[in-house]
Protein backbone atom coordinates (compact mmCIF):
# COMPACT_ATOMS: atom_id res chain seq x y z
CA UNK A 1 -42.54 24.83 4.87
CA UNK A 2 -41.57 22.36 2.14
CA UNK A 3 -40.25 19.05 3.51
CA UNK A 4 -38.54 16.58 1.21
CA UNK A 5 -37.53 13.06 2.20
CA UNK A 6 -35.29 11.53 -0.43
CA UNK A 7 -32.64 8.86 -0.98
CA UNK A 8 -28.93 9.24 -0.19
CA UNK A 9 -27.71 8.33 -3.70
CA UNK A 10 -27.22 10.57 -6.76
CA UNK A 11 -30.87 10.26 -7.81
CA UNK A 12 -32.02 11.26 -4.34
CA UNK A 13 -29.53 14.14 -4.36
CA UNK A 14 -30.92 15.32 -7.69
CA UNK A 15 -34.34 15.62 -6.08
CA UNK A 16 -32.81 17.65 -3.25
CA UNK A 17 -31.15 20.00 -5.71
CA UNK A 18 -34.45 20.50 -7.56
CA UNK A 19 -36.32 21.19 -4.32
CA UNK A 20 -33.87 23.89 -3.28
CA UNK A 21 -33.89 25.48 -6.73
CA UNK A 22 -37.70 25.43 -6.87
CA UNK A 23 -38.52 26.42 -3.29
CA UNK A 24 -35.37 28.19 -2.12
CA UNK A 25 -35.07 28.65 1.65
CA UNK A 26 -38.51 27.12 2.20
CA UNK A 27 -37.14 23.70 1.27
CA UNK A 28 -35.90 21.44 4.07
CA UNK A 29 -34.34 18.25 2.72
CA UNK A 30 -33.72 15.04 4.67
CA UNK A 31 -31.51 12.49 2.94
CA UNK A 32 -32.62 9.04 4.12
CA UNK A 33 -31.93 5.36 3.67
CA UNK A 34 -34.36 2.44 3.87
CA UNK A 35 -33.16 1.99 7.43
CA UNK A 36 -34.20 5.41 8.79
CA UNK A 37 -36.85 6.68 6.36
CA UNK A 38 -39.91 5.38 8.20
CA UNK A 39 -38.78 6.68 11.57
CA UNK A 40 -37.99 10.13 10.20
CA UNK A 41 -41.27 10.48 8.30
CA UNK A 42 -43.30 9.23 11.25
CA UNK A 43 -41.58 11.63 13.66
CA UNK A 44 -42.09 14.56 11.30
CA UNK A 45 -45.80 14.07 10.70
CA UNK A 46 -46.31 13.48 14.43
CA UNK A 47 -45.17 16.96 15.40
CA UNK A 48 -47.82 19.65 15.76
CA UNK A 49 -45.49 22.31 14.33
CA UNK A 50 -45.40 20.44 11.02
CA UNK A 51 -49.13 20.00 10.48
CA UNK A 52 -49.19 22.51 7.61
CA UNK A 53 -45.95 21.44 5.95
CA UNK A 54 -46.00 20.25 2.35
CA UNK A 55 -44.40 16.82 2.31
CA UNK A 56 -42.62 15.25 -0.65
CA UNK A 57 -41.11 11.76 -0.62
CA UNK A 58 -38.94 10.82 -3.60
CA UNK A 59 -36.94 7.75 -4.62
CA UNK A 60 -37.91 5.85 -1.47
CA UNK A 61 -40.97 3.96 -0.24
CA UNK A 62 -42.30 3.96 3.32
CA UNK A 63 -43.55 0.80 5.00
CA UNK A 64 -47.21 -0.17 5.37
CA UNK A 65 -47.64 1.41 8.81
CA UNK A 66 -46.28 4.81 7.77
CA UNK A 67 -48.11 4.53 4.45
CA UNK A 68 -51.42 4.37 6.33
CA UNK A 69 -50.50 7.35 8.51
CA UNK A 70 -49.61 9.42 5.45
CA UNK A 71 -52.90 8.50 3.81
CA UNK A 72 -54.78 9.53 6.92
CA UNK A 73 -52.92 12.85 6.93
CA UNK A 74 -53.72 13.40 3.25
CA UNK A 75 -57.43 12.72 3.81
CA UNK A 76 -57.43 15.52 6.38
CA UNK A 77 -56.51 17.93 3.59
CA UNK A 78 -52.75 18.05 4.20
CA UNK A 79 -50.38 18.09 1.23
CA UNK A 80 -48.43 14.89 0.54
CA UNK A 81 -46.74 13.85 -2.69
CA UNK A 82 -44.80 10.64 -3.14
CA UNK A 83 -42.82 10.25 -6.40
CA UNK A 84 -40.89 7.10 -7.26
CA UNK A 85 -39.79 4.94 -10.19
CA UNK A 86 -39.13 1.54 -8.62
CA UNK A 87 -41.22 -1.45 -9.63
CA UNK A 88 -41.53 -2.46 -5.99
CA UNK A 89 -43.36 0.82 -5.24
CA UNK A 90 -46.06 0.59 -7.92
CA UNK A 91 -48.80 -0.07 -5.35
CA UNK A 92 -48.53 3.58 -4.24
CA UNK A 93 -50.37 4.49 -7.44
CA UNK A 94 -53.50 3.32 -5.63
CA UNK A 95 -53.32 6.54 -3.60
CA UNK A 96 -54.14 10.02 -4.88
CA UNK A 97 -50.91 11.26 -3.31
CA UNK A 98 -48.73 8.58 -4.90
CA UNK A 99 -47.12 8.66 -8.34
CA UNK A 100 -44.88 5.83 -9.50
CA UNK A 101 -43.76 5.49 -13.11
CA UNK A 102 -41.03 3.13 -14.27
CA UNK A 103 -40.66 4.35 -17.85
CA UNK A 104 -41.83 7.06 -20.22
CA UNK A 105 -44.08 6.53 -23.22
CA UNK A 106 -40.95 6.67 -25.39
CA UNK A 107 -39.63 3.55 -23.63
CA UNK A 108 -36.91 5.39 -21.74
CA UNK A 109 -36.59 4.47 -18.08
CA UNK A 110 -37.42 7.08 -15.50
CA UNK A 111 -35.67 8.13 -12.32
CA UNK A 112 -36.97 10.02 -9.30
CA UNK A 113 -35.15 13.22 -10.31
CA UNK A 114 -36.67 13.26 -13.81
CA UNK A 115 -40.17 12.55 -12.47
CA UNK A 116 -39.84 15.21 -9.77
CA UNK A 117 -38.66 17.69 -12.40
CA UNK A 118 -41.67 16.86 -14.60
CA UNK A 119 -43.93 17.46 -11.61
CA UNK A 120 -42.30 20.81 -10.78
CA UNK A 121 -42.53 21.96 -14.41
CA UNK A 122 -46.18 20.91 -14.67
CA UNK A 123 -47.06 22.85 -11.54
CA UNK A 124 -44.91 25.85 -12.54
CA UNK A 125 -42.62 25.51 -9.54
CA UNK A 126 -39.41 25.66 -11.57
CA UNK A 127 -38.20 27.08 -14.90
CA UNK A 128 -36.95 24.95 -17.76
CA UNK A 129 -33.28 25.43 -18.73
CA UNK A 130 -30.99 23.46 -20.99
CA UNK A 131 -28.38 23.02 -18.26
CA UNK A 132 -30.94 21.71 -15.79
CA UNK A 133 -32.39 19.23 -18.28
CA UNK A 134 -28.92 17.97 -19.20
CA UNK A 135 -28.01 17.59 -15.52
CA UNK A 136 -31.22 15.66 -14.84
CA UNK A 137 -30.74 13.35 -17.83
CA UNK A 138 -27.20 12.50 -16.72
CA UNK A 139 -28.67 11.43 -13.37
CA UNK A 140 -31.41 9.46 -15.14
CA UNK A 141 -28.93 7.69 -17.40
CA UNK A 142 -26.70 6.79 -14.50
CA UNK A 143 -29.48 5.60 -12.21
CA UNK A 144 -31.02 3.39 -14.90
CA UNK A 145 -27.64 2.22 -16.28
CA UNK A 146 -28.60 3.61 -19.66
CA UNK A 147 -25.23 5.38 -19.60
CA UNK A 148 -23.43 2.06 -20.06
CA UNK A 149 -25.47 1.15 -23.12
CA UNK A 150 -24.88 4.64 -24.56
CA UNK A 151 -21.24 4.72 -23.38
CA UNK A 152 -22.00 8.07 -21.74
CA UNK A 153 -19.07 8.44 -19.35
CA UNK A 154 -20.27 11.91 -18.28
CA UNK A 155 -23.14 10.31 -16.38
CA UNK A 156 -20.81 7.97 -14.53
CA UNK A 157 -18.33 10.75 -13.81
CA UNK A 158 -21.08 12.92 -12.35
CA UNK A 159 -21.86 10.14 -9.88
CA UNK A 160 -18.15 9.66 -9.12
CA UNK A 161 -17.80 13.38 -8.39
CA UNK A 162 -20.77 13.19 -6.02
CA UNK A 163 -19.00 10.59 -3.90
CA UNK A 164 -15.57 12.23 -4.10
CA UNK A 165 -16.50 15.68 -2.86
CA UNK A 166 -19.40 14.62 -0.63
CA UNK A 167 -23.10 15.38 -0.61
CA UNK A 168 -23.01 18.87 0.93
CA UNK A 169 -20.26 20.21 -1.34
CA UNK A 170 -21.78 18.58 -4.40
CA UNK A 171 -25.26 19.91 -3.66
CA UNK A 172 -23.98 23.45 -3.05
CA UNK A 173 -21.85 23.44 -6.21
CA UNK A 174 -24.58 22.01 -8.46
CA UNK A 175 -27.23 24.47 -7.24
CA UNK A 176 -24.87 27.40 -7.80
CA UNK A 177 -23.89 26.15 -11.26
CA UNK A 178 -27.43 25.37 -12.40
CA UNK A 179 -28.72 28.75 -11.26
CA UNK A 180 -25.94 30.66 -13.02
CA UNK A 181 -25.54 28.65 -16.23
CA UNK A 182 -28.57 28.05 -18.42
CA UNK A 183 -27.09 27.03 -21.79
CA UNK A 184 -25.26 23.77 -21.15
CA UNK A 185 -24.12 21.64 -18.23
CA UNK A 186 -20.57 20.29 -17.98
CA UNK A 187 -17.90 19.41 -15.47
CA UNK A 188 -14.91 21.69 -14.99
CA UNK A 189 -11.32 20.87 -16.00
CA UNK A 190 -10.36 20.55 -12.34
CA UNK A 191 -13.23 18.14 -11.69
CA UNK A 192 -12.23 16.02 -14.69
CA UNK A 193 -8.62 15.79 -13.50
CA UNK A 194 -9.85 14.72 -10.10
CA UNK A 195 -12.04 12.09 -11.72
CA UNK A 196 -9.15 10.71 -13.79
CA UNK A 197 -7.31 10.00 -10.55
CA UNK A 198 -10.46 8.44 -9.09
CA UNK A 199 -10.85 6.12 -12.09
CA UNK A 200 -7.45 4.61 -11.33
CA UNK A 201 -8.45 4.08 -7.70
CA UNK A 202 -11.68 2.37 -8.75
CA UNK A 203 -9.83 0.00 -11.08
CA UNK A 204 -7.43 -1.03 -8.29
CA UNK A 205 -10.34 -1.44 -5.87
CA UNK A 206 -12.20 -3.74 -8.26
CA UNK A 207 -9.09 -5.87 -8.83
CA UNK A 208 -8.64 -6.25 -5.09
CA UNK A 209 -12.28 -7.13 -4.38
CA UNK A 210 -12.50 -9.61 -7.26
CA UNK A 211 -9.98 -11.77 -5.34
CA UNK A 212 -12.13 -11.68 -2.21
CA UNK A 213 -15.44 -12.81 -3.73
CA UNK A 214 -17.03 -15.99 -2.40
CA UNK A 215 -19.48 -18.06 -4.45
CA UNK A 216 -22.41 -19.78 -2.75
CA UNK A 217 -25.99 -20.93 -3.41
CA UNK A 218 -28.60 -18.84 -1.56
CA UNK A 219 -32.32 -19.45 -2.05
CA UNK A 220 -31.55 -21.49 -5.21
CA UNK A 221 -29.55 -18.61 -6.71
CA UNK A 222 -25.81 -18.74 -7.41
CA UNK A 223 -24.52 -15.63 -5.65
CA UNK A 224 -21.13 -13.94 -5.53
CA UNK A 225 -20.60 -12.30 -2.13
CA UNK A 226 -18.06 -9.61 -1.38
CA UNK A 227 -17.61 -7.17 1.50
CA UNK A 228 -17.39 -3.64 0.15
CA UNK A 229 -18.11 -0.09 1.27
CA UNK A 230 -17.09 1.91 -1.79
CA UNK A 231 -17.83 2.08 -5.53
CA UNK A 232 -20.72 -0.37 -5.24
CA UNK A 233 -22.21 0.29 -8.67
CA UNK A 234 -18.85 0.00 -10.45
CA UNK A 235 -17.87 -3.06 -8.43
CA UNK A 236 -21.19 -4.84 -8.90
CA UNK A 237 -21.13 -4.15 -12.62
CA UNK A 238 -17.54 -5.33 -13.04
CA UNK A 239 -18.00 -8.52 -11.00
CA UNK A 240 -21.13 -9.40 -12.97
CA UNK A 241 -19.24 -9.03 -16.24
CA UNK A 242 -16.30 -11.06 -14.95
CA UNK A 243 -18.61 -13.79 -13.63
CA UNK A 244 -21.60 -14.14 -15.97
CA UNK A 245 -22.31 -17.60 -14.53
CA UNK A 246 -23.46 -15.97 -11.28
CA UNK A 247 -27.10 -14.97 -10.87
CA UNK A 248 -26.19 -11.88 -8.86
CA UNK A 249 -23.52 -10.09 -6.87
CA UNK A 250 -24.21 -9.28 -3.20
CA UNK A 251 -22.11 -6.50 -1.66
CA UNK A 252 -22.09 -6.32 2.13
CA UNK A 253 -21.29 -3.36 4.36
CA UNK A 254 -21.33 -4.84 7.85
CA UNK A 255 -20.37 -1.57 9.54
CA UNK A 256 -23.20 0.26 7.83
CA UNK A 257 -25.53 -2.74 8.16
CA UNK A 258 -26.44 -2.56 4.47
CA UNK A 259 -26.43 -4.84 1.45
CA UNK A 260 -26.53 -4.08 -2.26
CA UNK A 261 -27.48 -6.49 -5.06
CA UNK A 262 -26.60 -6.30 -8.74
CA UNK A 263 -27.39 -8.59 -11.67
CA UNK A 264 -26.93 -8.56 -15.43
CA UNK A 265 -29.56 -11.22 -16.13
CA UNK A 266 -33.08 -10.41 -17.30
CA UNK A 267 -34.50 -13.49 -15.59
CA UNK A 268 -33.17 -12.50 -12.14
CA UNK A 269 -35.03 -9.78 -10.22
CA UNK A 270 -32.86 -8.49 -7.38
CA UNK A 271 -35.58 -6.03 -6.33
CA UNK A 272 -37.81 -8.96 -5.43
CA UNK A 273 -34.87 -10.65 -3.74
CA UNK A 274 -34.17 -7.54 -1.63
CA UNK A 275 -37.83 -7.42 -0.54
CA UNK A 276 -37.21 -10.58 1.50
CA UNK A 277 -35.04 -8.44 3.77
CA UNK A 278 -37.22 -5.31 3.79
CA UNK A 279 -35.50 -3.57 0.87
CA UNK A 280 -36.27 -2.88 -2.77
CA UNK A 281 -35.04 -1.12 -5.87
CA UNK A 282 -34.70 -1.94 -9.54
CA UNK A 283 -34.88 -5.41 -11.12
CA UNK A 284 -31.11 -5.28 -11.75
CA UNK A 285 -29.97 -3.08 -8.84
CA UNK A 286 -31.38 -3.10 -5.34
CA UNK A 287 -30.49 -2.81 -1.68
CA UNK A 288 -31.66 -3.54 1.84
CA UNK A 289 -30.63 -3.57 5.47
CA UNK A 290 -28.29 -6.25 6.74
CA UNK A 291 -30.85 -7.85 9.01
CA UNK A 292 -30.16 -10.64 11.51
CA UNK A 293 -31.55 -13.16 9.02
CA UNK A 294 -29.44 -11.73 6.21
CA UNK A 295 -26.33 -11.68 8.43
CA UNK A 296 -26.72 -15.39 9.07
CA UNK A 297 -27.22 -16.18 5.38
CA UNK A 298 -24.58 -13.89 3.91
CA UNK A 299 -21.93 -13.80 6.64
CA UNK A 300 -22.12 -16.68 9.13
CA UNK A 301 -23.00 -19.40 6.61
CA UNK A 302 -20.48 -18.06 4.11
CA UNK A 303 -17.55 -17.70 6.53
CA UNK A 304 -16.07 -21.20 5.94
CA UNK A 305 -15.85 -20.68 2.16
CA UNK A 306 -12.67 -19.59 0.40
CA UNK A 307 -12.78 -16.92 -2.34
CA UNK A 308 -13.02 -18.07 -5.94
CA UNK A 309 -9.87 -17.23 -7.89
CA UNK A 310 -10.47 -15.00 -10.97
CA UNK A 311 -9.66 -16.39 -14.41
CA UNK A 312 -6.13 -15.54 -15.59
CA UNK A 313 -6.10 -12.90 -18.32
CA UNK A 314 -2.84 -13.76 -20.09
CA UNK A 315 -3.15 -17.45 -20.89
CA UNK A 316 -1.81 -18.49 -24.28
CA UNK A 317 -2.36 -22.26 -24.12
CA UNK A 318 -5.32 -22.93 -21.87
CA UNK A 319 -7.77 -20.53 -23.46
CA UNK A 320 -11.55 -20.57 -23.51
CA UNK A 321 -13.07 -22.47 -26.42
CA UNK A 322 -9.76 -23.99 -27.59
CA UNK A 323 -10.15 -26.71 -30.25
CA UNK A 324 -8.28 -29.17 -28.01
CA UNK A 325 -10.28 -28.33 -24.89
CA UNK A 326 -10.11 -26.02 -21.88
CA UNK A 327 -9.11 -26.91 -18.33
CA UNK A 328 -10.60 -25.60 -15.05
CA UNK A 329 -9.80 -26.27 -11.40
CA UNK A 330 -11.18 -25.37 -7.98
CA UNK A 331 -10.07 -25.08 -4.36
CA UNK A 332 -10.46 -28.84 -3.91
CA UNK A 333 -7.91 -29.37 -6.73
CA UNK A 334 -10.69 -30.91 -8.83
CA UNK A 335 -10.01 -30.72 -12.55
CA UNK A 336 -12.70 -30.18 -15.17
CA UNK A 337 -12.08 -30.24 -18.92
CA UNK A 338 -14.51 -28.76 -21.43
CA UNK A 339 -14.12 -30.79 -24.62
CA UNK A 340 -15.41 -29.72 -28.07
CA UNK A 341 -17.07 -32.52 -30.03
CA UNK A 342 -17.09 -33.03 -33.79
CA UNK A 343 -20.70 -31.89 -34.15
CA UNK A 344 -20.02 -28.49 -32.56
CA UNK A 345 -21.36 -29.40 -29.11
CA UNK A 346 -19.33 -29.67 -25.90
CA UNK A 347 -18.82 -32.28 -23.23
CA UNK A 348 -17.31 -32.04 -19.73
CA UNK A 349 -14.84 -34.44 -18.15
CA UNK A 350 -14.77 -33.87 -14.40
CA UNK A 351 -12.10 -35.68 -12.39
CA UNK A 352 -11.62 -38.15 -15.23
CA UNK A 353 -15.33 -38.96 -15.60
CA UNK A 354 -17.24 -37.88 -18.67
CA UNK A 355 -20.57 -36.26 -17.75
CA UNK A 356 -23.80 -37.30 -19.45
CA UNK A 357 -24.77 -33.73 -20.27
CA UNK A 358 -24.08 -32.36 -23.73
CA UNK A 359 -23.88 -28.58 -24.10
CA UNK A 360 -24.80 -26.72 -27.28
CA UNK A 361 -22.01 -24.14 -26.86
CA UNK A 362 -18.89 -23.42 -24.83
CA UNK A 363 -20.56 -20.71 -22.73
CA UNK A 364 -23.18 -23.14 -21.43
CA UNK A 365 -20.53 -25.72 -20.58
CA UNK A 366 -18.38 -23.15 -18.75
CA UNK A 367 -21.43 -21.90 -16.84
CA UNK A 368 -22.09 -25.46 -15.64
CA UNK A 369 -18.50 -25.93 -14.49
CA UNK A 370 -18.32 -22.62 -12.66
CA UNK A 371 -21.73 -22.91 -10.97
CA UNK A 372 -21.41 -26.54 -9.92
CA UNK A 373 -17.74 -26.75 -9.00
CA UNK A 374 -16.81 -23.10 -8.23
CA UNK A 375 -13.90 -23.52 -10.65
CA UNK A 376 -11.75 -21.04 -12.52
CA UNK A 377 -9.70 -21.18 -15.71
CA UNK A 378 -6.51 -23.07 -14.96
CA UNK A 379 -3.32 -21.04 -15.43
CA UNK A 380 -1.00 -22.12 -18.27
CA UNK A 381 1.80 -23.02 -15.84
CA UNK A 382 -0.53 -25.17 -13.74
CA UNK A 383 -1.76 -27.03 -16.83
CA UNK A 384 1.81 -27.72 -17.98
CA UNK A 385 2.80 -28.88 -14.53
CA UNK A 386 -0.11 -31.32 -14.36
CA UNK A 387 0.57 -32.72 -17.84
CA UNK A 388 4.24 -33.04 -16.94
CA UNK A 389 3.40 -35.01 -13.80
CA UNK A 390 0.71 -37.18 -15.45
CA UNK A 391 2.93 -38.18 -18.39
CA UNK A 392 6.25 -38.10 -16.52
CA UNK A 393 7.82 -35.69 -18.96
CA UNK A 394 9.44 -32.28 -18.59
CA UNK A 395 7.38 -29.07 -18.73
CA UNK A 396 9.23 -28.21 -21.98
CA UNK A 397 8.02 -31.47 -23.56
CA UNK A 398 4.52 -30.84 -22.22
CA UNK A 399 4.57 -27.41 -23.83
CA UNK A 400 5.75 -28.80 -27.18
CA UNK A 401 3.02 -31.48 -27.20
CA UNK A 402 0.27 -29.59 -25.35
CA UNK A 403 -2.46 -29.74 -27.99
CA UNK A 404 -1.74 -33.43 -28.75
CA UNK A 405 -1.98 -34.49 -25.09
CA UNK A 406 -5.12 -32.46 -24.52
CA UNK A 407 -6.71 -33.86 -27.66
CA UNK A 408 -6.64 -37.40 -26.30
CA UNK A 409 -9.29 -36.41 -23.73
CA UNK A 410 -11.91 -36.40 -26.50
CA UNK A 411 -11.63 -40.15 -26.74
CA UNK A 412 -12.13 -40.85 -23.05
CA UNK A 413 -15.03 -43.15 -22.23
CA UNK A 414 -17.65 -42.62 -19.58
């Protein structure tokens, strides 16, 4: 009997597909999460009927207690192979049964599916085909986010299809296709039409969730928190791009008792952050259980906060980096103005007071405003209304003299 424990995402599914292609009916696959992996592995190795089973664990890491039990089993001559690519699992390389590799010699990042495939090829458990290698590389590109850098939409669409049709249907269809087609792997016309519809749903979902995101400081990190159950990778990626001032995005699924973390910053390691709550993953994408401690930090403590309003996309007057300055506001009705100086640097006037800090570029100044005041770009109409009220003129007059009235802020004293 071949027993595979693997993750519930596309990379874990890829390992399941490979196991069933390589071992046929002998393969028994359990798709697990961090929450149930240890229990399932421990129960399996504890049964007498399974003492001779060959055990593979891919794309997931067991805890210390189960780790020791697996090692004890291995030392008794039983087959165990653990294959992973997460930085947080590198310590498993200390065992003869563990193999963790984060990137290839070429510099390309690995995934569990690609490493499992390499293992199966090396041990002559599976035959090389062009379609299989293309399928595996799409999974690798998606799991490592290389697809975004390469603009390889096929990798993203493969993952979307996985979630649309469900694990069982996807697994059955991919195994059948990969066994029958050896030349090239591709999605069908019907699948692509289905995915076009799904893309529209994802876009609407992201727009909706972007208006629900709360900003808060957690463990000295500026975090955007949103409750979400679907399209986590797409949502996390989009919210990071829309809010580059945030250190990370935390996506909570209270019903499923799970959390996912995404970042776009090289100096923020969300895998290490997730370890605080018993999880792990990649430096820029990780997950964990929604523990009691995490629930208090990410739900109870956050409950009083209002969502941050996204920046308007169609401003014509109050635009970022304008020569006469840019205006921001927050839920407290506090106004911040980012003012360009003659030497190319930028200053901030918050609630009429000029700050001491000087910023070398607009991006740094905006980051300060958004992180410290939870502000957003003020809408054109709101700016005109404020100028109209401050100067006791009509909105039409404010519009006609907008740049002149904004320009006077440069001369304000501390």
